[in-house]
């Protein structure tokens, strides 16, 4: 189960982009998680630059090694990180 700490969320959308089951959605009013879809893989927690997402094994604001594996990132995210569109 993922918890969103909205006060920390910068609404960048990286978490929604890496979620393999589309359990996260970014809306105009903020981020939403469908915990019934969530598999607990932790990719969203890992990629969040502000520590706004936590799982039972992490705490809010934690900014440990948050580098996801290249396979965890979607093609669009990889292209943007290289300066593409």
PDB file of N, CA and C in Angstrom:
ATOM      1  N   UNK A   1       0.838  -1.180   0.000  1.00  0.00           N
ATOM      2  CA  UNK A   1       0.000   0.000   0.000  1.00  0.00           C
ATOM      3  C   UNK A   1       0.885   1.246   0.000  1.00  0.00           C
ATOM      4  N   UNK A   2       0.617   2.153  -0.900  1.00  0.00           N
ATOM      5  CA  UNK A   2       1.379   3.390  -1.030  1.00  0.00           C
ATOM      6  C   UNK A   2       0.603   4.524  -0.363  1.00  0.00           C
ATOM      7  N   UNK A   3       1.325   5.360   0.360  1.00  0.00           N
ATOM      8  CA  UNK A   3       0.736   6.544   0.979  1.00  0.00           C
ATOM      9  C   UNK A   3       1.305   7.776   0.296  1.00  0.00           C
ATOM     10  N   UNK A   4       0.434   8.724  -0.026  1.00  0.00           N
ATOM     11  CA  UNK A   4       0.851   9.978  -0.649  1.00  0.00           C
ATOM     12  C   UNK A   4       0.871  11.064   0.421  1.00  0.00           C
ATOM     13  N   UNK A   5       1.990  11.750   0.542  1.00  0.00           N
ATOM     14  CA  UNK A   5       2.119  12.887   1.448  1.00  0.00           C
ATOM     15  C   UNK A   5       2.017  14.132   0.567  1.00  0.00           C
ATOM     16  N   UNK A   6       0.779  14.601   0.399  1.00  0.00           N
ATOM     17  CA  UNK A   6       0.485  15.663  -0.568  1.00  0.00           C
ATOM     18  C   UNK A   6       1.288  16.938  -0.331  1.00  0.00           C
ATOM     19  N   UNK A   7       1.633  17.231   0.920  1.00  0.00           N
ATOM     20  CA  UNK A   7       2.398  18.448   1.211  1.00  0.00           C
ATOM     21  C   UNK A   7       3.809  18.370   0.634  1.00  0.00           C
ATOM     22  N   UNK A   8       4.306  17.173   0.343  1.00  0.00           N
ATOM     23  CA  UNK A   8       5.641  16.995  -0.236  1.00  0.00           C
ATOM     24  C   UNK A   8       5.609  16.827  -1.756  1.00  0.00           C
ATOM     25  N   UNK A   9       4.451  16.503  -2.299  1.00  0.00           N
ATOM     26  CA  UNK A   9       4.333  16.185  -3.726  1.00  0.00           C
ATOM     27  C   UNK A   9       4.500  17.428  -4.590  1.00  0.00           C
ATOM     28  N   UNK A  10       5.415  17.354  -5.563  1.00  0.00           N
ATOM     29  CA  UNK A  10       5.629  18.441  -6.516  1.00  0.00           C
ATOM     30  C   UNK A  10       4.824  18.267  -7.792  1.00  0.00           C
ATOM     31  N   UNK A  11       4.004  17.228  -7.862  1.00  0.00           N
ATOM     32  CA  UNK A  11       3.157  16.919  -9.013  1.00  0.00           C
ATOM     33  C   UNK A  11       3.936  16.832 -10.319  1.00  0.00           C
ATOM     34  N   UNK A  12       5.105  16.205 -10.271  1.00  0.00           N
ATOM     35  CA  UNK A  12       5.925  16.041 -11.475  1.00  0.00           C
ATOM     36  C   UNK A  12       5.423  14.907 -12.362  1.00  0.00           C
ATOM     37  N   UNK A  13       4.725  13.927 -11.781  1.00  0.00           N
ATOM     38  CA  UNK A  13       4.180  12.822 -12.552  1.00  0.00           C
ATOM     39  C   UNK A  13       5.128  11.668 -12.802  1.00  0.00           C
ATOM     40  N   UNK A  14       6.352  11.736 -12.288  1.00  0.00           N
ATOM     41  CA  UNK A  14       7.301  10.639 -12.506  1.00  0.00           C
ATOM     42  C   UNK A  14       6.759   9.321 -11.961  1.00  0.00           C
ATOM     43  N   UNK A  15       6.131   9.369 -10.806  1.00  0.00           N
ATOM     44  CA  UNK A  15       5.613   8.152 -10.180  1.00  0.00           C
ATOM     45  C   UNK A  15       4.561   7.484 -11.063  1.00  0.00           C
ATOM     46  N   UNK A  16       3.642   8.278 -11.584  1.00  0.00           N
ATOM     47  CA  UNK A  16       2.601   7.734 -12.454  1.00  0.00           C
ATOM     48  C   UNK A  16       3.208   7.154 -13.726  1.00  0.00           C
ATOM     49  N   UNK A  17       4.276   7.766 -14.198  1.00  0.00           N
ATOM     50  CA  UNK A  17       4.933   7.296 -15.414  1.00  0.00           C
ATOM     51  C   UNK A  17       5.642   5.965 -15.274  1.00  0.00           C
ATOM     52  N   UNK A  18       6.111   5.642 -14.066  1.00  0.00           N
ATOM     53  CA  UNK A  18       6.839   4.385 -13.888  1.00  0.00           C
ATOM     54  C   UNK A  18       5.967   3.255 -13.361  1.00  0.00           C
ATOM     55  N   UNK A  19       4.750   3.555 -12.942  1.00  0.00           N
ATOM     56  CA  UNK A  19       3.891   2.515 -12.370  1.00  0.00           C
ATOM     57  C   UNK A  19       3.482   1.512 -13.446  1.00  0.00           C
ATOM     58  N   UNK A  20       3.884   0.238 -13.284  1.00  0.00           N
ATOM     59  CA  UNK A  20       3.586  -0.759 -14.317  1.00  0.00           C
ATOM     60  C   UNK A  20       2.114  -1.159 -14.383  1.00  0.00           C
ATOM     61  N   UNK A  21       1.322  -0.822 -13.356  1.00  0.00           N
ATOM     62  CA  UNK A  21      -0.091  -1.207 -13.347  1.00  0.00           C
ATOM     63  C   UNK A  21      -1.027   0.008 -13.342  1.00  0.00           C
ATOM     64  N   UNK A  22      -0.483   1.193 -13.609  1.00  0.00           N
ATOM     65  CA  UNK A  22      -1.259   2.436 -13.647  1.00  0.00           C
ATOM     66  C   UNK A  22      -2.108   2.636 -12.387  1.00  0.00           C
ATOM     67  N   UNK A  23      -1.490   2.389 -11.228  1.00  0.00           N
ATOM     68  CA  UNK A  23      -2.191   2.582  -9.957  1.00  0.00           C
ATOM     69  C   UNK A  23      -2.169   4.037  -9.510  1.00  0.00           C
ATOM     70  N   UNK A  24      -1.321   4.849 -10.126  1.00  0.00           N
ATOM     71  CA  UNK A  24      -1.217   6.263  -9.768  1.00  0.00           C
ATOM     72  C   UNK A  24      -1.724   7.128 -10.909  1.00  0.00           C
ATOM     73  N   UNK A  25      -2.438   8.182 -10.550  1.00  0.00           N
ATOM     74  CA  UNK A  25      -2.943   9.122 -11.555  1.00  0.00           C
ATOM     75  C   UNK A  25      -2.740  10.538 -11.050  1.00  0.00           C
ATOM     76  N   UNK A  26      -2.224  11.398 -11.913  1.00  0.00           N
ATOM     77  CA  UNK A  26      -2.020  12.800 -11.575  1.00  0.00           C
ATOM     78  C   UNK A  26      -3.182  13.610 -12.139  1.00  0.00           C
ATOM     79  N   UNK A  27      -3.895  14.282 -11.252  1.00  0.00           N
ATOM     80  CA  UNK A  27      -5.042  15.110 -11.622  1.00  0.00           C
ATOM     81  C   UNK A  27      -4.699  16.569 -11.362  1.00  0.00           C
ATOM     82  N   UNK A  28      -5.543  17.473 -11.813  1.00  0.00           N
ATOM     83  CA  UNK A  28      -5.336  18.902 -11.554  1.00  0.00           C
ATOM     84  C   UNK A  28      -5.325  19.192 -10.058  1.00  0.00           C
ATOM     85  N   UNK A  29      -6.077  18.423  -9.289  1.00  0.00           N
ATOM     86  CA  UNK A  29      -6.158  18.632  -7.840  1.00  0.00           C
ATOM     87  C   UNK A  29      -5.109  17.855  -7.058  1.00  0.00           C
ATOM     88  N   UNK A  30      -4.352  16.996  -7.713  1.00  0.00           N
ATOM     89  CA  UNK A  30      -3.297  16.262  -7.021  1.00  0.00           C
ATOM     90  C   UNK A  30      -3.168  14.823  -7.478  1.00  0.00           C
ATOM     91  N   UNK A  31      -2.331  14.106  -6.785  1.00  0.00           N
ATOM     92  CA  UNK A  31      -2.028  12.712  -7.101  1.00  0.00           C
ATOM     93  C   UNK A  31      -3.010  11.789  -6.392  1.00  0.00           C
ATOM     94  N   UNK A  32      -3.376  10.711  -7.072  1.00  0.00           N
ATOM     95  CA  UNK A  32      -4.294   9.729  -6.502  1.00  0.00           C
ATOM     96  C   UNK A  32      -3.716   8.338  -6.721  1.00  0.00           C
ATOM     97  N   UNK A  33      -3.862   7.471  -5.722  1.00  0.00           N
ATOM     98  CA  UNK A  33      -3.412   6.090  -5.851  1.00  0.00           C
ATOM     99  C   UNK A  33      -4.608   5.159  -5.685  1.00  0.00           C
ATOM    100  N   UNK A  34      -4.679   4.154  -6.549  1.00  0.00           N
ATOM    101  CA  UNK A  34      -5.681   3.098  -6.422  1.00  0.00           C
ATOM    102  C   UNK A  34      -4.965   1.905  -5.804  1.00  0.00           C
ATOM    103  N   UNK A  35      -5.048   1.801  -4.484  1.00  0.00           N
ATOM    104  CA  UNK A  35      -4.306   0.756  -3.792  1.00  0.00           C
ATOM    105  C   UNK A  35      -4.746  -0.651  -4.178  1.00  0.00           C
ATOM    106  N   UNK A  36      -5.956  -0.813  -4.709  1.00  0.00           N
ATOM    107  CA  UNK A  36      -6.390  -2.136  -5.164  1.00  0.00           C
ATOM    108  C   UNK A  36      -5.574  -2.602  -6.367  1.00  0.00           C
ATOM    109  N   UNK A  37      -5.100  -1.652  -7.179  1.00  0.00           N
ATOM    110  CA  UNK A  37      -4.267  -1.986  -8.339  1.00  0.00           C
ATOM    111  C   UNK A  37      -2.799  -2.159  -7.961  1.00  0.00           C
ATOM    112  N   UNK A  38      -2.376  -1.480  -6.911  1.00  0.00           N
ATOM    113  CA  UNK A  38      -0.960  -1.428  -6.532  1.00  0.00           C
ATOM    114  C   UNK A  38      -0.420  -2.814  -6.181  1.00  0.00           C
ATOM    115  N   UNK A  39       0.722  -3.151  -6.753  1.00  0.00           N
ATOM    116  CA  UNK A  39       1.367  -4.434  -6.467  1.00  0.00           C
ATOM    117  C   UNK A  39       2.454  -4.304  -5.408  1.00  0.00           C
ATOM    118  N   UNK A  40       2.746  -3.077  -4.991  1.00  0.00           N
ATOM    119  CA  UNK A  40       3.774  -2.855  -3.971  1.00  0.00           C
ATOM    120  C   UNK A  40       5.189  -2.973  -4.493  1.00  0.00           C
ATOM    121  N   UNK A  41       5.390  -2.791  -5.794  1.00  0.00           N
ATOM    122  CA  UNK A  41       6.726  -2.947  -6.375  1.00  0.00           C
ATOM    123  C   UNK A  41       7.702  -1.874  -5.897  1.00  0.00           C
ATOM    124  N   UNK A  42       7.187  -0.697  -5.516  1.00  0.00           N
ATOM    125  CA  UNK A  42       8.036   0.362  -4.982  1.00  0.00           C
ATOM    126  C   UNK A  42       8.704   1.252  -6.007  1.00  0.00           C
ATOM    127  N   UNK A  43       8.420   1.052  -7.288  1.00  0.00           N
ATOM    128  CA  UNK A  43       9.059   1.884  -8.308  1.00  0.00           C
ATOM    129  C   UNK A  43       8.688   3.350  -8.147  1.00  0.00           C
ATOM    130  N   UNK A  44       7.448   3.624  -7.784  1.00  0.00           N
ATOM    131  CA  UNK A  44       7.013   5.015  -7.595  1.00  0.00           C
ATOM    132  C   UNK A  44       7.730   5.657  -6.415  1.00  0.00           C
ATOM    133  N   UNK A  45       7.890   4.915  -5.342  1.00  0.00           N
ATOM    134  CA  UNK A  45       8.595   5.421  -4.158  1.00  0.00           C
ATOM    135  C   UNK A  45      10.042   5.726  -4.522  1.00  0.00           C
ATOM    136  N   UNK A  46      10.648   4.858  -5.287  1.00  0.00           N
ATOM    137  CA  UNK A  46      12.044   5.017  -5.679  1.00  0.00           C
ATOM    138  C   UNK A  46      12.264   6.232  -6.565  1.00  0.00           C
ATOM    139  N   UNK A  47      11.365   6.482  -7.498  1.00  0.00           N
ATOM    140  CA  UNK A  47      11.570   7.559  -8.468  1.00  0.00           C
ATOM    141  C   UNK A  47      11.156   8.938  -7.941  1.00  0.00           C
ATOM    142  N   UNK A  48      10.385   9.014  -6.885  1.00  0.00           N
ATOM    143  CA  UNK A  48       9.890  10.302  -6.379  1.00  0.00           C
ATOM    144  C   UNK A  48      11.039  11.163  -5.857  1.00  0.00           C
ATOM    145  N   UNK A  49      11.255  12.344  -6.465  1.00  0.00           N
ATOM    146  CA  UNK A  49      12.384  13.188  -6.060  1.00  0.00           C
ATOM    147  C   UNK A  49      12.174  13.921  -4.737  1.00  0.00           C
ATOM    148  N   UNK A  50      10.932  13.974  -4.248  1.00  0.00           N
ATOM    149  CA  UNK A  50      10.662  14.716  -3.014  1.00  0.00           C
ATOM    150  C   UNK A  50      10.364  13.828  -1.816  1.00  0.00           C
ATOM    151  N   UNK A  51      10.281  12.525  -2.019  1.00  0.00           N
ATOM    152  CA  UNK A  51       9.959  11.620  -0.917  1.00  0.00           C
ATOM    153  C   UNK A  51       8.498  11.688  -0.512  1.00  0.00           C
ATOM    154  N   UNK A  52       7.623  12.076  -1.450  1.00  0.00           N
ATOM    155  CA  UNK A  52       6.203  12.236  -1.147  1.00  0.00           C
ATOM    156  C   UNK A  52       5.437  10.923  -1.083  1.00  0.00           C
ATOM    157  N   UNK A  53       6.026   9.848  -1.566  1.00  0.00           N
ATOM    158  CA  UNK A  53       5.369   8.547  -1.539  1.00  0.00           C
ATOM    159  C   UNK A  53       6.090   7.632  -0.567  1.00  0.00           C
ATOM    160  N   UNK A  54       5.302   6.918   0.215  1.00  0.00           N
ATOM    161  CA  UNK A  54       5.902   5.959   1.135  1.00  0.00           C
ATOM    162  C   UNK A  54       5.174   4.633   1.042  1.00  0.00           C
ATOM    163  N   UNK A  55       5.906   3.607   1.381  1.00  0.00           N
ATOM    164  CA  UNK A  55       5.352   2.269   1.494  1.00  0.00           C
ATOM    165  C   UNK A  55       5.561   1.864   2.952  1.00  0.00           C
ATOM    166  N   UNK A  56       5.068   0.721   3.364  1.00  0.00           N
ATOM    167  CA  UNK A  56       5.257   0.329   4.766  1.00  0.00           C
ATOM    168  C   UNK A  56       6.721   0.287   5.213  1.00  0.00           C
ATOM    169  N   UNK A  57       7.659   0.171   4.284  1.00  0.00           N
ATOM    170  CA  UNK A  57       9.075   0.069   4.665  1.00  0.00           C
ATOM    171  C   UNK A  57       9.843   1.380   4.527  1.00  0.00           C
ATOM    172  N   UNK A  58       9.168   2.492   4.181  1.00  0.00           N
ATOM    173  CA  UNK A  58       9.846   3.783   4.039  1.00  0.00           C
ATOM    174  C   UNK A  58       9.129   4.838   4.870  1.00  0.00           C
ATOM    175  N   UNK A  59       9.747   6.010   4.991  1.00  0.00           N
ATOM    176  CA  UNK A  59       9.097   7.102   5.716  1.00  0.00           C
ATOM    177  C   UNK A  59       9.084   8.361   4.852  1.00  0.00           C
ATOM    178  N   UNK A  60       8.147   9.249   5.119  1.00  0.00           N
ATOM    179  CA  UNK A  60       7.972  10.467   4.322  1.00  0.00           C
ATOM    180  C   UNK A  60       9.232  11.308   4.324  1.00  0.00           C
ATOM    181  N   UNK A  61       9.558  11.839   3.156  1.00  0.00           N
ATOM    182  CA  UNK A  61      10.710  12.712   3.024  1.00  0.00           C
ATOM    183  C   UNK A  61      12.030  11.986   2.870  1.00  0.00           C
ATOM    184  N   UNK A  62      12.012  10.667   2.912  1.00  0.00           N
ATOM    185  CA  UNK A  62      13.238   9.892   2.769  1.00  0.00           C
ATOM    186  C   UNK A  62      13.767  10.048   1.352  1.00  0.00           C
ATOM    187  N   UNK A  63      15.036  10.406   1.243  1.00  0.00           N
ATOM    188  CA  UNK A  63      15.645  10.585  -0.075  1.00  0.00           C
ATOM    189  C   UNK A  63      16.896   9.721  -0.177  1.00  0.00           C
ATOM    190  N   UNK A  64      16.743   8.470   0.111  1.00  0.00           N
ATOM    191  CA  UNK A  64      17.867   7.542   0.002  1.00  0.00           C
ATOM    192  C   UNK A  64      18.193   7.365  -1.477  1.00  0.00           C
ATOM    193  N   UNK A  65      18.789   6.268  -1.843  1.00  0.00           N
ATOM    194  CA  UNK A  65      19.129   6.013  -3.241  1.00  0.00           C
ATOM    195  C   UNK A  65      17.836   5.876  -4.027  1.00  0.00           C
ATOM    196  N   UNK A  66      17.479   6.892  -4.762  1.00  0.00           N
ATOM    197  CA  UNK A  66      16.218   6.923  -5.495  1.00  0.00           C
ATOM    198  C   UNK A  66      16.433   6.754  -6.996  1.00  0.00           C
ATOM    199  N   UNK A  67      17.516   6.105  -7.370  1.00  0.00           N
ATOM    200  CA  UNK A  67      17.776   5.901  -8.795  1.00  0.00           C
ATOM    201  C   UNK A  67      17.095   4.621  -9.260  1.00  0.00           C
ATOM    202  N   UNK A  68      16.057   4.731 -10.087  1.00  0.00           N
ATOM    203  CA  UNK A  68      15.404   3.527 -10.589  1.00  0.00           C
ATOM    204  C   UNK A  68      16.260   2.859 -11.653  1.00  0.00           C
ATOM    205  N   UNK A  69      16.019   1.593 -11.850  1.00  0.00           N
ATOM    206  CA  UNK A  69      16.726   0.907 -12.921  1.00  0.00           C
ATOM    207  C   UNK A  69      16.213   1.452 -14.249  1.00  0.00           C
ATOM    208  N   UNK A  70      17.031   1.420 -15.299  1.00  0.00           N
ATOM    209  CA  UNK A  70      16.576   1.910 -16.610  1.00  0.00           C
ATOM    210  C   UNK A  70      15.305   1.220 -17.079  1.00  0.00           C
ATOM    211  N   UNK A  71      15.129  -0.041 -16.729  1.00  0.00           N
ATOM    212  CA  UNK A  71      13.936  -0.766 -17.150  1.00  0.00           C
ATOM    213  C   UNK A  71      12.682  -0.276 -16.443  1.00  0.00           C
ATOM    214  N   UNK A  72      12.834   0.396 -15.302  1.00  0.00           N
ATOM    215  CA  UNK A  72      11.680   0.890 -14.555  1.00  0.00           C
ATOM    216  C   UNK A  72      11.109   2.157 -15.170  1.00  0.00           C
ATOM    217  N   UNK A  73      11.904   2.844 -15.959  1.00  0.00           N
ATOM    218  CA  UNK A  73      11.464   4.100 -16.552  1.00  0.00           C
ATOM    219  C   UNK A  73      10.797   3.873 -17.897  1.00  0.00           C
ATOM    220  N   UNK A  74       9.755   4.621 -18.145  1.00  0.00           N
ATOM    221  CA  UNK A  74       9.087   4.558 -19.438  1.00  0.00           C
ATOM    222  C   UNK A  74       9.934   5.242 -20.496  1.00  0.00           C
ATOM    223  N   UNK A  75       9.697   4.957 -21.742  1.00  0.00           N
ATOM    224  CA  UNK A  75      10.470   5.540 -22.845  1.00  0.00           C
ATOM    225  C   UNK A  75      10.421   7.061 -22.825  1.00  0.00           C
ATOM    226  N   UNK A  76       9.257   7.640 -22.569  1.00  0.00           N
ATOM    227  CA  UNK A  76       9.130   9.093 -22.542  1.00  0.00           C
ATOM    228  C   UNK A  76       9.976   9.730 -21.465  1.00  0.00           C
ATOM    229  N   UNK A  77      10.036   9.100 -20.303  1.00  0.00           N
ATOM    230  CA  UNK A  77      10.847   9.626 -19.205  1.00  0.00           C
ATOM    231  C   UNK A  77      12.321   9.554 -19.575  1.00  0.00           C
ATOM    232  N   UNK A  78      12.740   8.442 -20.178  1.00  0.00           N
ATOM    233  CA  UNK A  78      14.145   8.307 -20.588  1.00  0.00           C
ATOM    234  C   UNK A  78      14.511   9.378 -21.606  1.00  0.00           C
ATOM    235  N   UNK A  79      13.645   9.633 -22.569  1.00  0.00           N
ATOM    236  CA  UNK A  79      13.924  10.637 -23.595  1.00  0.00           C
ATOM    237  C   UNK A  79      14.023  12.031 -22.989  1.00  0.00           C
ATOM    238  N   UNK A  80      13.099  12.370 -22.086  1.00  0.00           N
ATOM    239  CA  UNK A  80      13.141  13.691 -21.451  1.00  0.00           C
ATOM    240  C   UNK A  80      14.404  13.859 -20.632  1.00  0.00           C
ATOM    241  N   UNK A  81      14.864  12.795 -19.982  1.00  0.00           N
ATOM    242  CA  UNK A  81      16.070  12.909 -19.162  1.00  0.00           C
ATOM    243  C   UNK A  81      17.315  13.115 -20.022  1.00  0.00           C
ATOM    244  N   UNK A  82      17.231  12.775 -21.309  1.00  0.00           N
ATOM    245  CA  UNK A  82      18.350  12.974 -22.231  1.00  0.00           C
ATOM    246  C   UNK A  82      18.232  14.301 -22.969  1.00  0.00           C
ATOM    247  N   UNK A  83      17.211  15.088 -22.629  1.00  0.00           N
ATOM    248  CA  UNK A  83      17.022  16.374 -23.282  1.00  0.00           C
ATOM    249  C   UNK A  83      16.113  16.315 -24.489  1.00  0.00           C
ATOM    250  N   UNK A  84      15.482  15.168 -24.722  1.00  0.00           N
ATOM    251  CA  UNK A  84      14.556  15.043 -25.845  1.00  0.00           C
ATOM    252  C   UNK A  84      13.196  15.604 -25.491  1.00  0.00           C
ATOM    253  N   UNK A  85      12.240  15.402 -26.365  1.00  0.00           N
ATOM    254  CA  UNK A  85      10.888  15.947 -26.130  1.00  0.00           C
ATOM    255  C   UNK A  85       9.987  14.942 -25.505  1.00  0.00           C
TER     256      UNK A  85
END
